[in-house]
């Protein structure tokens, strides 16, 4: 069970419609309301991948903070980063999904989730979690069958490790739930940081 959320930080608002983030937070004992953020998710230029994930998470949290009455907003953004820091986002169509999976096949990529917590009084904390995932080589037939299953749709990196894609994973280093879409241990640490931050301050 996760540590209780201080009354001063409640209520919690999740700035995401992701069922995976909702399920992870619920499983770890958090009570929250869902208020999806409607923002431009174009990656900002001039930042490393971790900075992009954090900036997008913050963008989402700030957008929802201005639309709710008090409490703390949770923003999150997950990126799949391949060799050469190439970002593999959600596939545009089946061909794009096949392209992404071909690029990940037989390589190690990073899954970065940026998390931003923004309180109504201005306190803000931002961080990220990184997990390294090594994919075994996948045949063209395996990739085609996986994409045809529909599981790639709406998934960064065109795969869902918590579903059928786990059979393609040869090695995982770090937080498994981060690859699913949200890092609960990092979130708990950021909550503690937010509780300790001075009102109106940022860390």
C-alpha atoms as a PDB file:
ATOM      1  CA  UNK A   1       0.000   0.000   0.000  1.00  0.00           C
ATOM      2  CA  UNK A   2       1.313   3.447  -0.862  1.00  0.00           C
ATOM      3  CA  UNK A   3       1.836   6.088   1.839  1.00  0.00           C
ATOM      4  CA  UNK A   4      -1.201   8.275   2.522  1.00  0.00           C
ATOM      5  CA  UNK A   5      -1.479  11.548   0.651  1.00  0.00           C
ATOM      6  CA  UNK A   6      -1.250  14.554   3.003  1.00  0.00           C
ATOM      7  CA  UNK A   7      -4.549  16.395   3.362  1.00  0.00           C
ATOM      8  CA  UNK A   8      -2.826  19.567   2.177  1.00  0.00           C
ATOM      9  CA  UNK A   9      -2.157  17.944  -1.218  1.00  0.00           C
ATOM     10  CA  UNK A  10      -5.636  16.469  -1.714  1.00  0.00           C
ATOM     11  CA  UNK A  11      -7.597  15.929  -3.814  1.00  0.00           C
ATOM     12  CA  UNK A  12      -5.504  14.300  -6.523  1.00  0.00           C
ATOM     13  CA  UNK A  13      -6.365  14.840 -10.178  1.00  0.00           C
ATOM     14  CA  UNK A  14      -4.964  12.633 -12.941  1.00  0.00           C
ATOM     15  CA  UNK A  15      -4.444  14.628 -16.133  1.00  0.00           C
ATOM     16  CA  UNK A  16      -4.718  11.528 -18.315  1.00  0.00           C
ATOM     17  CA  UNK A  17      -7.317   9.244 -19.837  1.00  0.00           C
ATOM     18  CA  UNK A  18      -4.854   6.333 -19.899  1.00  0.00           C
ATOM     19  CA  UNK A  19      -6.456   3.214 -18.393  1.00  0.00           C
ATOM     20  CA  UNK A  20      -2.962   1.909 -17.625  1.00  0.00           C
ATOM     21  CA  UNK A  21      -2.071   4.907 -15.453  1.00  0.00           C
ATOM     22  CA  UNK A  22      -5.462   4.755 -13.782  1.00  0.00           C
ATOM     23  CA  UNK A  23      -5.039   1.066 -12.991  1.00  0.00           C
ATOM     24  CA  UNK A  24      -1.502   1.448 -11.614  1.00  0.00           C
ATOM     25  CA  UNK A  25      -2.473   4.310  -9.299  1.00  0.00           C
ATOM     26  CA  UNK A  26      -5.570   2.450  -8.117  1.00  0.00           C
ATOM     27  CA  UNK A  27      -3.612  -0.741  -7.497  1.00  0.00           C
ATOM     28  CA  UNK A  28      -1.186   1.197  -5.299  1.00  0.00           C
ATOM     29  CA  UNK A  29      -3.994   2.558  -3.171  1.00  0.00           C
ATOM     30  CA  UNK A  30      -4.371   6.123  -4.421  1.00  0.00           C
ATOM     31  CA  UNK A  31      -7.736   7.855  -4.633  1.00  0.00           C
ATOM     32  CA  UNK A  32      -8.021  10.407  -7.421  1.00  0.00           C
ATOM     33  CA  UNK A  33     -10.286  12.008  -9.994  1.00  0.00           C
ATOM     34  CA  UNK A  34      -9.635  11.786 -13.733  1.00  0.00           C
ATOM     35  CA  UNK A  35      -9.456  15.019 -15.731  1.00  0.00           C
ATOM     36  CA  UNK A  36      -7.721  14.375 -19.076  1.00  0.00           C
ATOM     37  CA  UNK A  37      -5.526  17.172 -20.399  1.00  0.00           C
ATOM     38  CA  UNK A  38      -6.245  18.543 -23.863  1.00  0.00           C
ATOM     39  CA  UNK A  39      -2.835  19.898 -24.884  1.00  0.00           C
ATOM     40  CA  UNK A  40      -0.465  19.937 -27.835  1.00  0.00           C
ATOM     41  CA  UNK A  41       1.831  16.942 -27.325  1.00  0.00           C
ATOM     42  CA  UNK A  42       4.421  18.052 -29.877  1.00  0.00           C
ATOM     43  CA  UNK A  43       7.845  17.461 -28.277  1.00  0.00           C
ATOM     44  CA  UNK A  44       9.612  20.730 -27.442  1.00  0.00           C
ATOM     45  CA  UNK A  45      12.827  21.289 -29.359  1.00  0.00           C
ATOM     46  CA  UNK A  46      16.300  21.505 -27.871  1.00  0.00           C
ATOM     47  CA  UNK A  47      15.759  19.116 -24.956  1.00  0.00           C
ATOM     48  CA  UNK A  48      17.119  15.616 -24.317  1.00  0.00           C
ATOM     49  CA  UNK A  49      14.505  12.827 -24.179  1.00  0.00           C
ATOM     50  CA  UNK A  50      14.144  12.972 -20.389  1.00  0.00           C
ATOM     51  CA  UNK A  51      13.613  16.724 -20.588  1.00  0.00           C
ATOM     52  CA  UNK A  52      10.954  16.250 -23.248  1.00  0.00           C
ATOM     53  CA  UNK A  53       9.071  13.724 -21.115  1.00  0.00           C
ATOM     54  CA  UNK A  54       9.175  16.060 -18.119  1.00  0.00           C
ATOM     55  CA  UNK A  55       8.142  19.109 -20.169  1.00  0.00           C
ATOM     56  CA  UNK A  56       5.144  17.318 -21.678  1.00  0.00           C
ATOM     57  CA  UNK A  57       4.085  15.991 -18.274  1.00  0.00           C
ATOM     58  CA  UNK A  58       4.282  19.511 -16.850  1.00  0.00           C
ATOM     59  CA  UNK A  59       2.339  20.920 -19.791  1.00  0.00           C
ATOM     60  CA  UNK A  60      -0.508  18.493 -19.066  1.00  0.00           C
ATOM     61  CA  UNK A  61      -0.514  19.126 -15.323  1.00  0.00           C
ATOM     62  CA  UNK A  62      -0.575  22.911 -15.693  1.00  0.00           C
ATOM     63  CA  UNK A  63      -3.442  22.755 -18.192  1.00  0.00           C
ATOM     64  CA  UNK A  64      -5.602  20.775 -15.770  1.00  0.00           C
ATOM     65  CA  UNK A  65      -4.529  22.767 -12.685  1.00  0.00           C
ATOM     66  CA  UNK A  66      -6.222  25.788 -14.222  1.00  0.00           C
ATOM     67  CA  UNK A  67      -9.454  23.830 -14.688  1.00  0.00           C
ATOM     68  CA  UNK A  68      -9.953  22.233 -11.276  1.00  0.00           C
ATOM     69  CA  UNK A  69     -10.715  23.536  -7.808  1.00  0.00           C
ATOM     70  CA  UNK A  70      -7.720  22.955  -5.535  1.00  0.00           C
ATOM     71  CA  UNK A  71      -5.587  19.937  -4.875  1.00  0.00           C
ATOM     72  CA  UNK A  72      -2.722  18.416  -6.830  1.00  0.00           C
ATOM     73  CA  UNK A  73      -2.669  17.536 -10.516  1.00  0.00           C
ATOM     74  CA  UNK A  74      -0.631  14.582 -11.797  1.00  0.00           C
ATOM     75  CA  UNK A  75       0.749  14.946 -15.309  1.00  0.00           C
ATOM     76  CA  UNK A  76       2.597  12.110 -17.028  1.00  0.00           C
ATOM     77  CA  UNK A  77       4.121  11.435 -20.410  1.00  0.00           C
ATOM     78  CA  UNK A  78       5.818   8.244 -21.585  1.00  0.00           C
ATOM     79  CA  UNK A  79       8.395   8.135 -24.375  1.00  0.00           C
ATOM     80  CA  UNK A  80      10.070   5.182 -26.046  1.00  0.00           C
ATOM     81  CA  UNK A  81      13.607   6.164 -27.032  1.00  0.00           C
ATOM     82  CA  UNK A  82      15.490   4.039 -29.512  1.00  0.00           C
ATOM     83  CA  UNK A  83      19.072   4.012 -30.673  1.00  0.00           C
ATOM     84  CA  UNK A  84      20.444   7.469 -31.450  1.00  0.00           C
ATOM     85  CA  UNK A  85      17.796   9.053 -29.174  1.00  0.00           C
ATOM     86  CA  UNK A  86      15.107   8.484 -31.804  1.00  0.00           C
ATOM     87  CA  UNK A  87      11.646   8.968 -30.272  1.00  0.00           C
ATOM     88  CA  UNK A  88       9.085   6.301 -31.084  1.00  0.00           C
ATOM     89  CA  UNK A  89       5.661   7.663 -30.231  1.00  0.00           C
ATOM     90  CA  UNK A  90       2.196   6.285 -30.822  1.00  0.00           C
ATOM     91  CA  UNK A  91       1.956   4.833 -34.344  1.00  0.00           C
ATOM     92  CA  UNK A  92      -0.081   6.765 -36.867  1.00  0.00           C
ATOM     93  CA  UNK A  93      -1.274   3.593 -38.611  1.00  0.00           C
ATOM     94  CA  UNK A  94      -0.404  -0.087 -39.028  1.00  0.00           C
ATOM     95  CA  UNK A  95       2.496   0.582 -41.372  1.00  0.00           C
ATOM     96  CA  UNK A  96       3.972   3.036 -38.889  1.00  0.00           C
ATOM     97  CA  UNK A  97       3.561   0.437 -36.111  1.00  0.00           C
ATOM     98  CA  UNK A  98       5.428  -2.138 -38.198  1.00  0.00           C
ATOM     99  CA  UNK A  99       8.184   0.407 -38.861  1.00  0.00           C
ATOM    100  CA  UNK A 100       8.594   1.144 -35.157  1.00  0.00           C
ATOM    101  CA  UNK A 101       8.704  -2.523 -34.184  1.00  0.00           C
ATOM    102  CA  UNK A 102      11.289  -3.250 -36.891  1.00  0.00           C
ATOM    103  CA  UNK A 103      13.422  -0.467 -35.410  1.00  0.00           C
ATOM    104  CA  UNK A 104      13.114  -1.902 -31.874  1.00  0.00           C
ATOM    105  CA  UNK A 105      13.661  -5.523 -32.905  1.00  0.00           C
ATOM    106  CA  UNK A 106      16.919  -6.940 -31.551  1.00  0.00           C
ATOM    107  CA  UNK A 107      17.892  -3.704 -29.780  1.00  0.00           C
ATOM    108  CA  UNK A 108      17.786  -2.105 -26.345  1.00  0.00           C
ATOM    109  CA  UNK A 109      15.598   0.960 -25.970  1.00  0.00           C
ATOM    110  CA  UNK A 110      14.703   3.246 -23.078  1.00  0.00           C
ATOM    111  CA  UNK A 111      11.242   3.914 -21.713  1.00  0.00           C
ATOM    112  CA  UNK A 112      11.078   7.332 -20.065  1.00  0.00           C
ATOM    113  CA  UNK A 113       8.074   8.549 -18.113  1.00  0.00           C
ATOM    114  CA  UNK A 114       8.033  12.160 -17.045  1.00  0.00           C
ATOM    115  CA  UNK A 115       5.882  12.935 -13.992  1.00  0.00           C
ATOM    116  CA  UNK A 116       4.853  16.421 -12.910  1.00  0.00           C
ATOM    117  CA  UNK A 117       2.888  17.343  -9.793  1.00  0.00           C
ATOM    118  CA  UNK A 118       1.368  20.806  -9.693  1.00  0.00           C
ATOM    119  CA  UNK A 119      -0.493  22.062  -6.619  1.00  0.00           C
ATOM    120  CA  UNK A 120      -3.124  24.780  -6.651  1.00  0.00           C
ATOM    121  CA  UNK A 121      -0.862  27.015  -4.530  1.00  0.00           C
ATOM    122  CA  UNK A 122       1.908  26.940  -7.152  1.00  0.00           C
ATOM    123  CA  UNK A 123       4.134  24.225  -5.725  1.00  0.00           C
ATOM    124  CA  UNK A 124       5.562  22.137  -8.546  1.00  0.00           C
ATOM    125  CA  UNK A 125       7.842  19.112  -8.702  1.00  0.00           C
ATOM    126  CA  UNK A 126       8.970  17.286 -11.810  1.00  0.00           C
ATOM    127  CA  UNK A 127      10.971  14.112 -12.364  1.00  0.00           C
ATOM    128  CA  UNK A 128      11.230  11.042 -14.542  1.00  0.00           C
ATOM    129  CA  UNK A 129      11.828   7.317 -14.450  1.00  0.00           C
ATOM    130  CA  UNK A 130      13.905   5.341 -16.949  1.00  0.00           C
ATOM    131  CA  UNK A 131      13.664   1.627 -17.744  1.00  0.00           C
ATOM    132  CA  UNK A 132      15.798  -0.192 -20.302  1.00  0.00           C
ATOM    133  CA  UNK A 133      14.089  -2.835 -22.418  1.00  0.00           C
ATOM    134  CA  UNK A 134      15.903  -5.279 -24.700  1.00  0.00           C
ATOM    135  CA  UNK A 135      13.809  -6.796 -27.460  1.00  0.00           C
ATOM    136  CA  UNK A 136      14.745 -10.102 -29.028  1.00  0.00           C
ATOM    137  CA  UNK A 137      14.873 -10.168 -32.836  1.00  0.00           C
ATOM    138  CA  UNK A 138      11.344 -10.329 -34.256  1.00  0.00           C
ATOM    139  CA  UNK A 139      10.500 -11.805 -37.638  1.00  0.00           C
ATOM    140  CA  UNK A 140       8.454  -9.880 -40.199  1.00  0.00           C
ATOM    141  CA  UNK A 141       5.637 -12.386 -39.694  1.00  0.00           C
ATOM    142  CA  UNK A 142       5.662 -11.899 -35.920  1.00  0.00           C
ATOM    143  CA  UNK A 143       5.551  -8.122 -36.305  1.00  0.00           C
ATOM    144  CA  UNK A 144       2.738  -8.288 -38.844  1.00  0.00           C
ATOM    145  CA  UNK A 145       0.675 -10.609 -36.657  1.00  0.00           C
ATOM    146  CA  UNK A 146       1.200  -8.453 -33.582  1.00  0.00           C
ATOM    147  CA  UNK A 147       0.169  -5.254 -35.373  1.00  0.00           C
ATOM    148  CA  UNK A 148      -2.848  -7.046 -36.874  1.00  0.00           C
ATOM    149  CA  UNK A 149      -4.002  -7.886 -33.335  1.00  0.00           C
ATOM    150  CA  UNK A 150      -4.615  -4.170 -32.758  1.00  0.00           C
ATOM    151  CA  UNK A 151      -2.481  -4.068 -29.629  1.00  0.00           C
ATOM    152  CA  UNK A 152      -0.098  -1.466 -31.088  1.00  0.00           C
ATOM    153  CA  UNK A 153      -2.810   1.178 -31.365  1.00  0.00           C
ATOM    154  CA  UNK A 154      -2.331   4.131 -29.046  1.00  0.00           C
ATOM    155  CA  UNK A 155       0.847   2.706 -27.478  1.00  0.00           C
ATOM    156  CA  UNK A 156       4.160   4.576 -27.415  1.00  0.00           C
ATOM    157  CA  UNK A 157       6.670   2.316 -29.133  1.00  0.00           C
ATOM    158  CA  UNK A 158       3.786   0.388 -30.729  1.00  0.00           C
ATOM    159  CA  UNK A 159       3.695  -2.311 -28.055  1.00  0.00           C
ATOM    160  CA  UNK A 160       2.076  -3.161 -24.721  1.00  0.00           C
ATOM    161  CA  UNK A 161       4.400  -5.098 -22.433  1.00  0.00           C
ATOM    162  CA  UNK A 162       1.558  -5.962 -20.056  1.00  0.00           C
ATOM    163  CA  UNK A 163      -0.312  -7.747 -22.833  1.00  0.00           C
ATOM    164  CA  UNK A 164       1.089  -9.986 -25.603  1.00  0.00           C
ATOM    165  CA  UNK A 165       4.306  -8.066 -26.301  1.00  0.00           C
ATOM    166  CA  UNK A 166       6.015  -9.492 -23.220  1.00  0.00           C
ATOM    167  CA  UNK A 167       7.054 -12.476 -25.358  1.00  0.00           C
ATOM    168  CA  UNK A 168       9.299 -10.173 -27.392  1.00  0.00           C
ATOM    169  CA  UNK A 169      11.179  -8.877 -24.326  1.00  0.00           C
ATOM    170  CA  UNK A 170      14.531 -10.523 -23.672  1.00  0.00           C
ATOM    171  CA  UNK A 171      15.582  -8.337 -20.748  1.00  0.00           C
ATOM    172  CA  UNK A 172      14.201  -5.527 -18.613  1.00  0.00           C
ATOM    173  CA  UNK A 173      16.276  -3.289 -16.332  1.00  0.00           C
ATOM    174  CA  UNK A 174      14.306  -1.048 -13.995  1.00  0.00           C
ATOM    175  CA  UNK A 175      10.675  -0.443 -13.123  1.00  0.00           C
ATOM    176  CA  UNK A 176       8.291  -2.723 -15.055  1.00  0.00           C
ATOM    177  CA  UNK A 177       5.266  -0.533 -14.306  1.00  0.00           C
ATOM    178  CA  UNK A 178       7.103   2.405 -15.837  1.00  0.00           C
ATOM    179  CA  UNK A 179       7.025   0.521 -19.145  1.00  0.00           C
ATOM    180  CA  UNK A 180       3.310  -0.085 -18.683  1.00  0.00           C
ATOM    181  CA  UNK A 181       2.873   3.679 -18.375  1.00  0.00           C
ATOM    182  CA  UNK A 182       3.445   5.033 -14.856  1.00  0.00           C
ATOM    183  CA  UNK A 183       6.230   4.702 -12.226  1.00  0.00           C
ATOM    184  CA  UNK A 184       4.610   4.431  -8.762  1.00  0.00           C
ATOM    185  CA  UNK A 185       7.842   4.591  -6.749  1.00  0.00           C
ATOM    186  CA  UNK A 186       8.948   7.782  -8.509  1.00  0.00           C
ATOM    187  CA  UNK A 187       5.477   9.234  -8.003  1.00  0.00           C
ATOM    188  CA  UNK A 188       5.577   8.515  -4.266  1.00  0.00           C
ATOM    189  CA  UNK A 189       8.972  10.215  -4.013  1.00  0.00           C
ATOM    190  CA  UNK A 190       7.695  13.273  -5.872  1.00  0.00           C
ATOM    191  CA  UNK A 191       4.671  13.466  -3.565  1.00  0.00           C
ATOM    192  CA  UNK A 192       7.042  13.617  -0.600  1.00  0.00           C
ATOM    193  CA  UNK A 193       9.042  16.350  -2.328  1.00  0.00           C
ATOM    194  CA  UNK A 194       5.882  18.330  -3.043  1.00  0.00           C
ATOM    195  CA  UNK A 195       4.718  18.073   0.570  1.00  0.00           C
ATOM    196  CA  UNK A 196       8.092  19.446   1.722  1.00  0.00           C
ATOM    197  CA  UNK A 197       8.271  22.276  -0.832  1.00  0.00           C
ATOM    198  CA  UNK A 198       7.483  25.828   0.309  1.00  0.00           C
ATOM    199  CA  UNK A 199       4.148  27.205  -0.863  1.00  0.00           C
ATOM    200  CA  UNK A 200       4.492  28.740  -4.288  1.00  0.00           C
ATOM    201  CA  UNK A 201       7.862  27.096  -4.775  1.00  0.00           C
ATOM    202  CA  UNK A 202       9.185  24.672  -7.337  1.00  0.00           C
ATOM    203  CA  UNK A 203      11.834  21.969  -7.221  1.00  0.00           C
END
